[in-house]
Amino acid sequence: METQRVETTYYDHGTPAERWERARLFFEAKDYTAAARVLARLVEEVPEQTGPRLLLARAYYHSAQLRRAEAELRIIVERDPVEHYARLMLGRTLQRQARHDEAAPHLRIAAALAGDFPEE
């Protein structure tokens, strides 16, 4: 008798809503790598949704997967140039990679979108 291999893992199991909740629990528990595993698959399924992609970028950022975080954040900013938090995270991600010149415009835009203007 041959056993059939099931491709579903714990990270992939359940409905998108259940996986979203599982990813959030992992994230809140600071298990950013596990959160990213759940979210990466979820983002493949619902690429148009900003919430899962932004949380995936944050999980990548906190687990020091900065290139991956940058890639996800660039997708969000390209789709929605006034997404304040994605701009801020992109700027911080670039800063952590010592790419300060690239970070500066994103941080300025994020500050402007938040209404943070320097006092004169």
PDB file of N, CA and C in Angstrom:
ATOM      1  N   MET A   1       0.842  -1.183   0.000  1.00  0.00           N
ATOM      2  CA  MET A   1       0.000   0.000   0.000  1.00  0.00           C
ATOM      3  C   MET A   1       0.886   1.245   0.000  1.00  0.00           C
ATOM      4  N   GLU A   2       0.648   2.126  -0.938  1.00  0.00           N
ATOM      5  CA  GLU A   2       1.448   3.344  -1.087  1.00  0.00           C
ATOM      6  C   GLU A   2       0.770   4.502  -0.369  1.00  0.00           C
ATOM      7  N   THR A   3       1.557   5.230   0.421  1.00  0.00           N
ATOM      8  CA  THR A   3       1.019   6.378   1.138  1.00  0.00           C
ATOM      9  C   THR A   3       1.145   7.604   0.247  1.00  0.00           C
ATOM     10  N   GLN A   4       0.067   8.330   0.122  1.00  0.00           N
ATOM     11  CA  GLN A   4       0.086   9.548  -0.675  1.00  0.00           C
ATOM     12  C   GLN A   4       0.587  10.705   0.177  1.00  0.00           C
ATOM     13  N   ARG A   5       1.513  11.464  -0.359  1.00  0.00           N
ATOM     14  CA  ARG A   5       2.067  12.607   0.375  1.00  0.00           C
ATOM     15  C   ARG A   5       1.132  13.801   0.253  1.00  0.00           C
ATOM     16  N   VAL A   6       0.799  14.374   1.369  1.00  0.00           N
ATOM     17  CA  VAL A   6      -0.064  15.550   1.386  1.00  0.00           C
ATOM     18  C   VAL A   6       0.830  16.783   1.356  1.00  0.00           C
ATOM     19  N   GLU A   7       0.574  17.689   0.446  1.00  0.00           N
ATOM     20  CA  GLU A   7       1.413  18.876   0.267  1.00  0.00           C
ATOM     21  C   GLU A   7       1.088  19.991   1.246  1.00  0.00           C
ATOM     22  N   THR A   8      -0.009  19.883   1.953  1.00  0.00           N
ATOM     23  CA  THR A   8      -0.406  20.934   2.883  1.00  0.00           C
ATOM     24  C   THR A   8       0.411  20.814   4.167  1.00  0.00           C
ATOM     25  N   THR A   9       0.980  21.899   4.587  1.00  0.00           N
ATOM     26  CA  THR A   9       1.705  21.932   5.850  1.00  0.00           C
ATOM     27  C   THR A   9       0.864  22.704   6.863  1.00  0.00           C
ATOM     28  N   TYR A  10       1.355  22.741   8.076  1.00  0.00           N
ATOM     29  CA  TYR A  10       0.672  23.522   9.106  1.00  0.00           C
ATOM     30  C   TYR A  10       0.535  24.978   8.674  1.00  0.00           C
ATOM     31  N   TYR A  11       1.541  25.486   7.999  1.00  0.00           N
ATOM     32  CA  TYR A  11       1.548  26.894   7.595  1.00  0.00           C
ATOM     33  C   TYR A  11       0.524  27.177   6.501  1.00  0.00           C
ATOM     34  N   ASP A  12       0.221  26.162   5.682  1.00  0.00           N
ATOM     35  CA  ASP A  12      -0.703  26.336   4.558  1.00  0.00           C
ATOM     36  C   ASP A  12      -2.125  25.905   4.883  1.00  0.00           C
ATOM     37  N   HIS A  13      -2.318  25.254   6.005  1.00  0.00           N
ATOM     38  CA  HIS A  13      -3.606  24.650   6.329  1.00  0.00           C
ATOM     39  C   HIS A  13      -4.671  25.705   6.657  1.00  0.00           C
ATOM     40  N   GLY A  14      -5.882  25.453   6.178  1.00  0.00           N
ATOM     41  CA  GLY A  14      -7.022  26.289   6.541  1.00  0.00           C
ATOM     42  C   GLY A  14      -7.411  27.282   5.464  1.00  0.00           C
ATOM     43  N   THR A  15      -8.453  28.011   5.768  1.00  0.00           N
ATOM     44  CA  THR A  15      -8.957  29.027   4.850  1.00  0.00           C
ATOM     45  C   THR A  15      -8.013  30.232   4.872  1.00  0.00           C
ATOM     46  N   PRO A  16      -8.116  31.107   3.884  1.00  0.00           N
ATOM     47  CA  PRO A  16      -7.294  32.331   3.936  1.00  0.00           C
ATOM     48  C   PRO A  16      -7.498  33.116   5.232  1.00  0.00           C
ATOM     49  N   ALA A  17      -8.721  33.202   5.717  1.00  0.00           N
ATOM     50  CA  ALA A  17      -8.983  33.941   6.963  1.00  0.00           C
ATOM     51  C   ALA A  17      -8.299  33.265   8.149  1.00  0.00           C
ATOM     52  N   GLU A  18      -8.314  31.939   8.193  1.00  0.00           N
ATOM     53  CA  GLU A  18      -7.652  31.218   9.279  1.00  0.00           C
ATOM     54  C   GLU A  18      -6.135  31.397   9.213  1.00  0.00           C
ATOM     55  N   ARG A  19      -5.599  31.369   8.009  1.00  0.00           N
ATOM     56  CA  ARG A  19      -4.148  31.564   7.849  1.00  0.00           C
ATOM     57  C   ARG A  19      -3.747  32.992   8.177  1.00  0.00           C
ATOM     58  N   TRP A  20      -4.587  33.959   7.837  1.00  0.00           N
ATOM     59  CA  TRP A  20      -4.326  35.357   8.194  1.00  0.00           C
ATOM     60  C   TRP A  20      -4.248  35.498   9.716  1.00  0.00           C
ATOM     61  N   GLU A  21      -5.203  34.889  10.399  1.00  0.00           N
ATOM     62  CA  GLU A  21      -5.214  34.943  11.860  1.00  0.00           C
ATOM     63  C   GLU A  21      -3.988  34.235  12.432  1.00  0.00           C
ATOM     64  N   ARG A  22      -3.623  33.075  11.882  1.00  0.00           N
ATOM     65  CA  ARG A  22      -2.437  32.349  12.341  1.00  0.00           C
ATOM     66  C   ARG A  22      -1.182  33.196  12.139  1.00  0.00           C
ATOM     67  N   ALA A  23      -1.072  33.840  11.002  1.00  0.00           N
ATOM     68  CA  ALA A  23       0.088  34.697  10.723  1.00  0.00           C
ATOM     69  C   ALA A  23       0.166  35.843  11.718  1.00  0.00           C
ATOM     70  N   ARG A  24      -0.980  36.446  12.011  1.00  0.00           N
ATOM     71  CA  ARG A  24      -1.001  37.545  12.990  1.00  0.00           C
ATOM     72  C   ARG A  24      -0.577  37.066  14.371  1.00  0.00           C
ATOM     73  N   LEU A  25      -1.013  35.863  14.748  1.00  0.00           N
ATOM     74  CA  LEU A  25      -0.603  35.307  16.047  1.00  0.00           C
ATOM     75  C   LEU A  25       0.901  35.075  16.097  1.00  0.00           C
ATOM     76  N   PHE A  26       1.460  34.501  15.019  1.00  0.00           N
ATOM     77  CA  PHE A  26       2.909  34.319  14.957  1.00  0.00           C
ATOM     78  C   PHE A  26       3.615  35.665  15.058  1.00  0.00           C
ATOM     79  N   PHE A  27       3.117  36.658  14.330  1.00  0.00           N
ATOM     80  CA  PHE A  27       3.737  37.982  14.333  1.00  0.00           C
ATOM     81  C   PHE A  27       3.694  38.592  15.729  1.00  0.00           C
ATOM     82  N   GLU A  28       2.540  38.535  16.368  1.00  0.00           N
ATOM     83  CA  GLU A  28       2.385  39.098  17.713  1.00  0.00           C
ATOM     84  C   GLU A  28       3.271  38.381  18.727  1.00  0.00           C
ATOM     85  N   ALA A  29       3.551  37.090  18.476  1.00  0.00           N
ATOM     86  CA  ALA A  29       4.429  36.316  19.353  1.00  0.00           C
ATOM     87  C   ALA A  29       5.911  36.525  18.991  1.00  0.00           C
ATOM     88  N   LYS A  30       6.150  37.407  18.040  1.00  0.00           N
ATOM     89  CA  LYS A  30       7.493  37.730  17.562  1.00  0.00           C
ATOM     90  C   LYS A  30       8.188  36.548  16.881  1.00  0.00           C
ATOM     91  N   ASP A  31       7.398  35.622  16.350  1.00  0.00           N
ATOM     92  CA  ASP A  31       7.938  34.536  15.529  1.00  0.00           C
ATOM     93  C   ASP A  31       7.784  34.976  14.072  1.00  0.00           C
ATOM     94  N   TYR A  32       8.649  35.896  13.689  1.00  0.00           N
ATOM     95  CA  TYR A  32       8.520  36.557  12.391  1.00  0.00           C
ATOM     96  C   TYR A  32       8.778  35.613  11.221  1.00  0.00           C
ATOM     97  N   THR A  33       9.648  34.648  11.409  1.00  0.00           N
ATOM     98  CA  THR A  33       9.928  33.695  10.335  1.00  0.00           C
ATOM     99  C   THR A  33       8.704  32.830  10.055  1.00  0.00           C
ATOM    100  N   ALA A  34       8.044  32.346  11.104  1.00  0.00           N
ATOM    101  CA  ALA A  34       6.825  31.548  10.917  1.00  0.00           C
ATOM    102  C   ALA A  34       5.721  32.401  10.304  1.00  0.00           C
ATOM    103  N   ALA A  35       5.597  33.633  10.759  1.00  0.00           N
ATOM    104  CA  ALA A  35       4.590  34.533  10.177  1.00  0.00           C
ATOM    105  C   ALA A  35       4.847  34.713   8.686  1.00  0.00           C
ATOM    106  N   ALA A  36       6.100  34.898   8.312  1.00  0.00           N
ATOM    107  CA  ALA A  36       6.449  35.083   6.898  1.00  0.00           C
ATOM    108  C   ALA A  36       6.111  33.842   6.077  1.00  0.00           C
ATOM    109  N   ARG A  37       6.319  32.664   6.649  1.00  0.00           N
ATOM    110  CA  ARG A  37       5.996  31.420   5.921  1.00  0.00           C
ATOM    111  C   ARG A  37       4.516  31.355   5.597  1.00  0.00           C
ATOM    112  N   VAL A  38       3.681  31.721   6.558  1.00  0.00           N
ATOM    113  CA  VAL A  38       2.236  31.697   6.325  1.00  0.00           C
ATOM    114  C   VAL A  38       1.851  32.798   5.339  1.00  0.00           C
ATOM    115  N   LEU A  39       2.380  33.974   5.545  1.00  0.00           N
ATOM    116  CA  LEU A  39       1.988  35.136   4.739  1.00  0.00           C
ATOM    117  C   LEU A  39       2.462  35.048   3.297  1.00  0.00           C
ATOM    118  N   ALA A  40       3.623  34.469   3.055  1.00  0.00           N
ATOM    119  CA  ALA A  40       4.136  34.377   1.677  1.00  0.00           C
ATOM    120  C   ALA A  40       3.148  33.614   0.799  1.00  0.00           C
ATOM    121  N   ARG A  41       2.636  32.522   1.305  1.00  0.00           N
ATOM    122  CA  ARG A  41       1.661  31.729   0.547  1.00  0.00           C
ATOM    123  C   ARG A  41       0.342  32.493   0.410  1.00  0.00           C
ATOM    124  N   LEU A  42      -0.064  33.160   1.461  1.00  0.00           N
ATOM    125  CA  LEU A  42      -1.310  33.927   1.431  1.00  0.00           C
ATOM    126  C   LEU A  42      -1.224  35.058   0.401  1.00  0.00           C
ATOM    127  N   VAL A  43      -0.080  35.733   0.356  1.00  0.00           N
ATOM    128  CA  VAL A  43       0.105  36.824  -0.611  1.00  0.00           C
ATOM    129  C   VAL A  43       0.066  36.292  -2.044  1.00  0.00           C
ATOM    130  N   GLU A  44       0.574  35.077  -2.259  1.00  0.00           N
ATOM    131  CA  GLU A  44       0.477  34.465  -3.597  1.00  0.00           C
ATOM    132  C   GLU A  44      -0.983  34.281  -4.000  1.00  0.00           C
ATOM    133  N   GLU A  45      -1.817  33.928  -3.040  1.00  0.00           N
ATOM    134  CA  GLU A  45      -3.228  33.673  -3.322  1.00  0.00           C
ATOM    135  C   GLU A  45      -4.043  34.945  -3.494  1.00  0.00           C
ATOM    136  N   VAL A  46      -3.716  35.977  -2.728  1.00  0.00           N
ATOM    137  CA  VAL A  46      -4.470  37.235  -2.787  1.00  0.00           C
ATOM    138  C   VAL A  46      -3.497  38.403  -2.986  1.00  0.00           C
ATOM    139  N   PRO A  47      -2.821  38.443  -4.139  1.00  0.00           N
ATOM    140  CA  PRO A  47      -1.772  39.450  -4.344  1.00  0.00           C
ATOM    141  C   PRO A  47      -2.278  40.890  -4.351  1.00  0.00           C
ATOM    142  N   GLU A  48      -3.570  41.083  -4.576  1.00  0.00           N
ATOM    143  CA  GLU A  48      -4.109  42.434  -4.647  1.00  0.00           C
ATOM    144  C   GLU A  48      -4.356  43.042  -3.265  1.00  0.00           C
ATOM    145  N   GLN A  49      -4.344  42.239  -2.216  1.00  0.00           N
ATOM    146  CA  GLN A  49      -4.638  42.744  -0.876  1.00  0.00           C
ATOM    147  C   GLN A  49      -3.380  43.312  -0.215  1.00  0.00           C
ATOM    148  N   THR A  50      -3.508  44.515   0.284  1.00  0.00           N
ATOM    149  CA  THR A  50      -2.366  45.208   0.895  1.00  0.00           C
ATOM    150  C   THR A  50      -2.039  44.681   2.281  1.00  0.00           C
ATOM    151  N   GLY A  51      -3.043  44.361   3.089  1.00  0.00           N
ATOM    152  CA  GLY A  51      -2.813  43.950   4.474  1.00  0.00           C
ATOM    153  C   GLY A  51      -1.847  42.791   4.632  1.00  0.00           C
ATOM    154  N   PRO A  52      -2.096  41.655   3.967  1.00  0.00           N
ATOM    155  CA  PRO A  52      -1.164  40.537   4.092  1.00  0.00           C
ATOM    156  C   PRO A  52       0.237  40.868   3.571  1.00  0.00           C
ATOM    157  N   ARG A  53       0.315  41.606   2.475  1.00  0.00           N
ATOM    158  CA  ARG A  53       1.622  41.951   1.908  1.00  0.00           C
ATOM    159  C   ARG A  53       2.394  42.865   2.853  1.00  0.00           C
ATOM    160  N   LEU A  54       1.705  43.819   3.474  1.00  0.00           N
ATOM    161  CA  LEU A  54       2.375  44.730   4.401  1.00  0.00           C
ATOM    162  C   LEU A  54       2.852  43.977   5.646  1.00  0.00           C
ATOM    163  N   LEU A  55       2.035  43.070   6.152  1.00  0.00           N
ATOM    164  CA  LEU A  55       2.467  42.285   7.313  1.00  0.00           C
ATOM    165  C   LEU A  55       3.622  41.358   6.931  1.00  0.00           C
ATOM    166  N   LEU A  56       3.606  40.830   5.705  1.00  0.00           N
ATOM    167  CA  LEU A  56       4.721  40.012   5.220  1.00  0.00           C
ATOM    168  C   LEU A  56       6.001  40.844   5.177  1.00  0.00           C
ATOM    169  N   ALA A  57       5.911  42.061   4.662  1.00  0.00           N
ATOM    170  CA  ALA A  57       7.081  42.943   4.617  1.00  0.00           C
ATOM    171  C   ALA A  57       7.601  43.219   6.025  1.00  0.00           C
ATOM    172  N   ARG A  58       6.698  43.443   6.959  1.00  0.00           N
ATOM    173  CA  ARG A  58       7.104  43.691   8.350  1.00  0.00           C
ATOM    174  C   ARG A  58       7.764  42.455   8.954  1.00  0.00           C
ATOM    175  N   ALA A  59       7.222  41.273   8.669  1.00  0.00           N
ATOM    176  CA  ALA A  59       7.824  40.029   9.175  1.00  0.00           C
ATOM    177  C   ALA A  59       9.224  39.850   8.590  1.00  0.00           C
ATOM    178  N   TYR A  60       9.376  40.128   7.300  1.00  0.00           N
ATOM    179  CA  TYR A  60      10.705  40.058   6.682  1.00  0.00           C
ATOM    180  C   TYR A  60      11.650  41.066   7.332  1.00  0.00           C
ATOM    181  N   TYR A  61      11.178  42.273   7.553  1.00  0.00           N
ATOM    182  CA  TYR A  61      12.000  43.322   8.168  1.00  0.00           C
ATOM    183  C   TYR A  61      12.490  42.883   9.546  1.00  0.00           C
ATOM    184  N   HIS A  62      11.572  42.394  10.363  1.00  0.00           N
ATOM    185  CA  HIS A  62      11.926  42.020  11.736  1.00  0.00           C
ATOM    186  C   HIS A  62      12.786  40.753  11.804  1.00  0.00           C
ATOM    187  N   SER A  63      12.761  39.938  10.740  1.00  0.00           N
ATOM    188  CA  SER A  63      13.609  38.750  10.712  1.00  0.00           C
ATOM    189  C   SER A  63      14.861  38.993   9.871  1.00  0.00           C
ATOM    190  N   ALA A  64      15.146  40.272   9.607  1.00  0.00           N
ATOM    191  CA  ALA A  64      16.356  40.707   8.889  1.00  0.00           C
ATOM    192  C   ALA A  64      16.450  40.156   7.464  1.00  0.00           C
ATOM    193  N   GLN A  65      15.307  39.910   6.848  1.00  0.00           N
ATOM    194  CA  GLN A  65      15.270  39.541   5.436  1.00  0.00           C
ATOM    195  C   GLN A  65      14.957  40.822   4.652  1.00  0.00           C
ATOM    196  N   LEU A  66      15.926  41.719   4.659  1.00  0.00           N
ATOM    197  CA  LEU A  66      15.688  43.087   4.203  1.00  0.00           C
ATOM    198  C   LEU A  66      15.418  43.191   2.708  1.00  0.00           C
ATOM    199  N   ARG A  67      16.071  42.405   1.900  1.00  0.00           N
ATOM    200  CA  ARG A  67      15.801  42.455   0.447  1.00  0.00           C
ATOM    201  C   ARG A  67      14.379  42.014   0.148  1.00  0.00           C
ATOM    202  N   ARG A  68      13.927  40.994   0.843  1.00  0.00           N
ATOM    203  CA  ARG A  68      12.546  40.528   0.653  1.00  0.00           C
ATOM    204  C   ARG A  68      11.556  41.583   1.137  1.00  0.00           C
ATOM    205  N   ALA A  69      11.847  42.193   2.281  1.00  0.00           N
ATOM    206  CA  ALA A  69      10.981  43.261   2.789  1.00  0.00           C
ATOM    207  C   ALA A  69      10.911  44.394   1.773  1.00  0.00           C
ATOM    208  N   GLU A  70      12.053  44.789   1.260  1.00  0.00           N
ATOM    209  CA  GLU A  70      12.106  45.869   0.269  1.00  0.00           C
ATOM    210  C   GLU A  70      11.268  45.535  -0.954  1.00  0.00           C
ATOM    211  N   ALA A  71      11.369  44.308  -1.450  1.00  0.00           N
ATOM    212  CA  ALA A  71      10.612  43.916  -2.647  1.00  0.00           C
ATOM    213  C   ALA A  71       9.105  44.028  -2.406  1.00  0.00           C
ATOM    214  N   GLU A  72       8.630  43.553  -1.259  1.00  0.00           N
ATOM    215  CA  GLU A  72       7.197  43.621  -0.955  1.00  0.00           C
ATOM    216  C   GLU A  72       6.743  45.068  -0.790  1.00  0.00           C
ATOM    217  N   LEU A  73       7.546  45.869  -0.116  1.00  0.00           N
ATOM    218  CA  LEU A  73       7.188  47.268   0.107  1.00  0.00           C
ATOM    219  C   LEU A  73       7.158  48.056  -1.197  1.00  0.00           C
ATOM    220  N   ARG A  74       8.074  47.766  -2.101  1.00  0.00           N
ATOM    221  CA  ARG A  74       8.073  48.452  -3.402  1.00  0.00           C
ATOM    222  C   ARG A  74       6.810  48.135  -4.198  1.00  0.00           C
ATOM    223  N   ILE A  75       6.323  46.898  -4.098  1.00  0.00           N
ATOM    224  CA  ILE A  75       5.070  46.537  -4.771  1.00  0.00           C
ATOM    225  C   ILE A  75       3.921  47.365  -4.207  1.00  0.00           C
ATOM    226  N   ILE A  76       3.850  47.478  -2.889  1.00  0.00           N
ATOM    227  CA  ILE A  76       2.768  48.244  -2.254  1.00  0.00           C
ATOM    228  C   ILE A  76       2.837  49.712  -2.674  1.00  0.00           C
ATOM    229  N   VAL A  77       4.030  50.300  -2.605  1.00  0.00           N
ATOM    230  CA  VAL A  77       4.193  51.726  -2.922  1.00  0.00           C
ATOM    231  C   VAL A  77       3.908  51.989  -4.402  1.00  0.00           C
ATOM    232  N   GLU A  78       4.266  51.039  -5.250  1.00  0.00           N
ATOM    233  CA  GLU A  78       3.972  51.202  -6.685  1.00  0.00           C
ATOM    234  C   GLU A  78       2.466  51.221  -6.927  1.00  0.00           C
ATOM    235  N   ARG A  79       1.741  50.365  -6.223  1.00  0.00           N
ATOM    236  CA  ARG A  79       0.286  50.291  -6.376  1.00  0.00           C
ATOM    237  C   ARG A  79      -0.437  51.442  -5.701  1.00  0.00           C
ATOM    238  N   ASP A  80       0.104  51.880  -4.563  1.00  0.00           N
ATOM    239  CA  ASP A  80      -0.550  52.923  -3.773  1.00  0.00           C
ATOM    240  C   ASP A  80       0.516  53.891  -3.254  1.00  0.00           C
ATOM    241  N   PRO A  81       0.886  54.882  -4.054  1.00  0.00           N
ATOM    242  CA  PRO A  81       1.980  55.791  -3.688  1.00  0.00           C
ATOM    243  C   PRO A  81       1.764  56.574  -2.398  1.00  0.00           C
ATOM    244  N   VAL A  82       0.535  56.658  -1.922  1.00  0.00           N
ATOM    245  CA  VAL A  82       0.279  57.402  -0.684  1.00  0.00           C
ATOM    246  C   VAL A  82       0.051  56.481   0.511  1.00  0.00           C
ATOM    247  N   GLU A  83       0.468  55.236   0.404  1.00  0.00           N
ATOM    248  CA  GLU A  83       0.394  54.298   1.538  1.00  0.00           C
ATOM    249  C   GLU A  83       1.510  54.677   2.505  1.00  0.00           C
ATOM    250  N   HIS A  84       1.144  55.463   3.510  1.00  0.00           N
ATOM    251  CA  HIS A  84       2.085  56.069   4.446  1.00  0.00           C
ATOM    252  C   HIS A  84       3.007  55.052   5.118  1.00  0.00           C
ATOM    253  N   TYR A  85       2.436  54.021   5.710  1.00  0.00           N
ATOM    254  CA  TYR A  85       3.247  53.090   6.486  1.00  0.00           C
ATOM    255  C   TYR A  85       4.218  52.315   5.597  1.00  0.00           C
ATOM    256  N   ALA A  86       3.780  51.952   4.390  1.00  0.00           N
ATOM    257  CA  ALA A  86       4.681  51.252   3.460  1.00  0.00           C
ATOM    258  C   ALA A  86       5.855  52.154   3.087  1.00  0.00           C
ATOM    259  N   ARG A  87       5.588  53.432   2.887  1.00  0.00           N
ATOM    260  CA  ARG A  87       6.680  54.388   2.594  1.00  0.00           C
ATOM    261  C   ARG A  87       7.666  54.456   3.757  1.00  0.00           C
ATOM    262  N   LEU A  88       7.131  54.568   4.962  1.00  0.00           N
ATOM    263  CA  LEU A  88       7.978  54.637   6.146  1.00  0.00           C
ATOM    264  C   LEU A  88       8.819  53.370   6.288  1.00  0.00           C
ATOM    265  N   MET A  89       8.184  52.222   6.143  1.00  0.00           N
ATOM    266  CA  MET A  89       8.901  50.950   6.256  1.00  0.00           C
ATOM    267  C   MET A  89       9.941  50.794   5.158  1.00  0.00           C
ATOM    268  N   LEU A  90       9.621  51.240   3.946  1.00  0.00           N
ATOM    269  CA  LEU A  90      10.592  51.163   2.854  1.00  0.00           C
ATOM    270  C   LEU A  90      11.808  52.016   3.183  1.00  0.00           C
ATOM    271  N   GLY A  91      11.577  53.215   3.679  1.00  0.00           N
ATOM    272  CA  GLY A  91      12.685  54.082   4.071  1.00  0.00           C
ATOM    273  C   GLY A  91      13.537  53.450   5.154  1.00  0.00           C
ATOM    274  N   ARG A  92      12.907  52.875   6.151  1.00  0.00           N
ATOM    275  CA  ARG A  92      13.653  52.240   7.244  1.00  0.00           C
ATOM    276  C   ARG A  92      14.397  50.994   6.770  1.00  0.00           C
ATOM    277  N   THR A  93      13.772  50.253   5.874  1.00  0.00           N
ATOM    278  CA  THR A  93      14.421  49.053   5.324  1.00  0.00           C
ATOM    279  C   THR A  93      15.669  49.444   4.548  1.00  0.00           C
ATOM    280  N   LEU A  94      15.568  50.493   3.760  1.00  0.00           N
ATOM    281  CA  LEU A  94      16.737  50.969   3.010  1.00  0.00           C
ATOM    282  C   LEU A  94      17.811  51.500   3.956  1.00  0.00           C
ATOM    283  N   GLN A  95      17.403  52.188   5.023  1.00  0.00           N
ATOM    284  CA  GLN A  95      18.371  52.671   6.015  1.00  0.00           C
ATOM    285  C   GLN A  95      19.135  51.505   6.635  1.00  0.00           C
ATOM    286  N   ARG A  96      18.428  50.450   6.987  1.00  0.00           N
ATOM    287  CA  ARG A  96      19.085  49.286   7.612  1.00  0.00           C
ATOM    288  C   ARG A  96      20.085  48.626   6.667  1.00  0.00           C
ATOM    289  N   GLN A  97      19.923  48.875   5.378  1.00  0.00           N
ATOM    290  CA  GLN A  97      20.865  48.342   4.394  1.00  0.00           C
ATOM    291  C   GLN A  97      21.941  49.374   4.061  1.00  0.00           C
ATOM    292  N   ALA A  98      22.009  50.457   4.846  1.00  0.00           N
ATOM    293  CA  ALA A  98      22.972  51.548   4.650  1.00  0.00           C
ATOM    294  C   ALA A  98      22.799  52.204   3.282  1.00  0.00           C
ATOM    295  N   ARG A  99      21.565  52.282   2.808  1.00  0.00           N
ATOM    296  CA  ARG A  99      21.247  52.932   1.535  1.00  0.00           C
ATOM    297  C   ARG A  99      20.487  54.217   1.852  1.00  0.00           C
ATOM    298  N   HIS A 100      21.158  55.102   2.575  1.00  0.00           N
ATOM    299  CA  HIS A 100      20.535  56.308   3.121  1.00  0.00           C
ATOM    300  C   HIS A 100      20.029  57.266   2.052  1.00  0.00           C
ATOM    301  N   ASP A 101      20.762  57.408   0.952  1.00  0.00           N
ATOM    302  CA  ASP A 101      20.314  58.309  -0.116  1.00  0.00           C
ATOM    303  C   ASP A 101      19.011  57.828  -0.737  1.00  0.00           C
ATOM    304  N   GLU A 102      18.852  56.514  -0.876  1.00  0.00           N
ATOM    305  CA  GLU A 102      17.609  55.960  -1.420  1.00  0.00           C
ATOM    306  C   GLU A 102      16.475  56.054  -0.396  1.00  0.00           C
ATOM    307  N   ALA A 103      16.814  55.968   0.880  1.00  0.00           N
ATOM    308  CA  ALA A 103      15.807  55.994   1.946  1.00  0.00           C
ATOM    309  C   ALA A 103      15.191  57.377   2.125  1.00  0.00           C
ATOM    310  N   ALA A 104      16.008  58.406   1.979  1.00  0.00           N
ATOM    311  CA  ALA A 104      15.581  59.771   2.305  1.00  0.00           C
ATOM    312  C   ALA A 104      14.274  60.202   1.631  1.00  0.00           C
ATOM    313  N   PRO A 105      14.116  60.025   0.316  1.00  0.00           N
ATOM    314  CA  PRO A 105      12.852  60.480  -0.290  1.00  0.00           C
ATOM    315  C   PRO A 105      11.627  59.757   0.264  1.00  0.00           C
ATOM    316  N   HIS A 106      11.762  58.464   0.544  1.00  0.00           N
ATOM    317  CA  HIS A 106      10.624  57.705   1.082  1.00  0.00           C
ATOM    318  C   HIS A 106      10.263  58.185   2.484  1.00  0.00           C
ATOM    319  N   LEU A 107      11.279  58.492   3.277  1.00  0.00           N
ATOM    320  CA  LEU A 107      11.024  58.988   4.629  1.00  0.00           C
ATOM    321  C   LEU A 107      10.403  60.384   4.603  1.00  0.00           C
ATOM    322  N   ARG A 108      10.839  61.225   3.658  1.00  0.00           N
ATOM    323  CA  ARG A 108      10.231  62.564   3.522  1.00  0.00           C
ATOM    324  C   ARG A 108       8.771  62.462   3.100  1.00  0.00           C
ATOM    325  N   ILE A 109       8.493  61.593   2.137  1.00  0.00           N
ATOM    326  CA  ILE A 109       7.112  61.417   1.678  1.00  0.00           C
ATOM    327  C   ILE A 109       6.250  60.875   2.815  1.00  0.00           C
ATOM    328  N   ALA A 110       6.772  59.893   3.554  1.00  0.00           N
ATOM    329  CA  ALA A 110       6.016  59.328   4.687  1.00  0.00           C
ATOM    330  C   ALA A 110       5.718  60.404   5.714  1.00  0.00           C
ATOM    331  N   ALA A 111       6.695  61.244   6.009  1.00  0.00           N
ATOM    332  CA  ALA A 111       6.490  62.324   6.977  1.00  0.00           C
ATOM    333  C   ALA A 111       5.429  63.300   6.473  1.00  0.00           C
ATOM    334  N   ALA A 112       5.495  63.651   5.196  1.00  0.00           N
ATOM    335  CA  ALA A 112       4.511  64.579   4.631  1.00  0.00           C
ATOM    336  C   ALA A 112       3.103  63.971   4.663  1.00  0.00           C
ATOM    337  N   LEU A 113       3.004  62.689   4.338  1.00  0.00           N
ATOM    338  CA  LEU A 113       1.695  62.026   4.357  1.00  0.00           C
ATOM    339  C   LEU A 113       1.128  61.959   5.771  1.00  0.00           C
ATOM    340  N   ALA A 114       2.008  61.884   6.754  1.00  0.00           N
ATOM    341  CA  ALA A 114       1.575  61.849   8.155  1.00  0.00           C
ATOM    342  C   ALA A 114       1.327  63.240   8.717  1.00  0.00           C
ATOM    343  N   GLY A 115       1.686  64.273   7.930  1.00  0.00           N
ATOM    344  CA  GLY A 115       1.500  65.643   8.396  1.00  0.00           C
ATOM    345  C   GLY A 115       2.614  66.121   9.301  1.00  0.00           C
ATOM    346  N   ASP A 116       3.747  65.420   9.281  1.00  0.00           N
ATOM    347  CA  ASP A 116       4.904  65.812  10.081  1.00  0.00           C
ATOM    348  C   ASP A 116       5.813  66.720   9.249  1.00  0.00           C
ATOM    349  N   PHE A 117       5.694  67.987   9.466  1.00  0.00           N
ATOM    350  CA  PHE A 117       6.517  68.946   8.745  1.00  0.00           C
ATOM    351  C   PHE A 117       7.502  69.579   9.716  1.00  0.00           C
ATOM    352  N   PRO A 118       8.743  69.778   9.291  1.00  0.00           N
ATOM    353  CA  PRO A 118       9.726  70.406  10.209  1.00  0.00           C
ATOM    354  C   PRO A 118       9.318  71.815  10.574  1.00  0.00           C
ATOM    355  N   GLU A 119       9.517  72.148  11.844  1.00  0.00           N
ATOM    356  CA  GLU A 119       9.206  73.505  12.286  1.00  0.00           C
ATOM    357  C   GLU A 119      10.347  74.422  11.906  1.00  0.00           C
ATOM    358  N   GLU A 120       9.988  75.612  11.517  1.00  0.00           N
ATOM    359  CA  GLU A 120      11.011  76.580  11.088  1.00  0.00           C
ATOM    360  C   GLU A 120      11.359  77.508  12.210  1.00  0.00           C
TER     361      GLU A 120
END
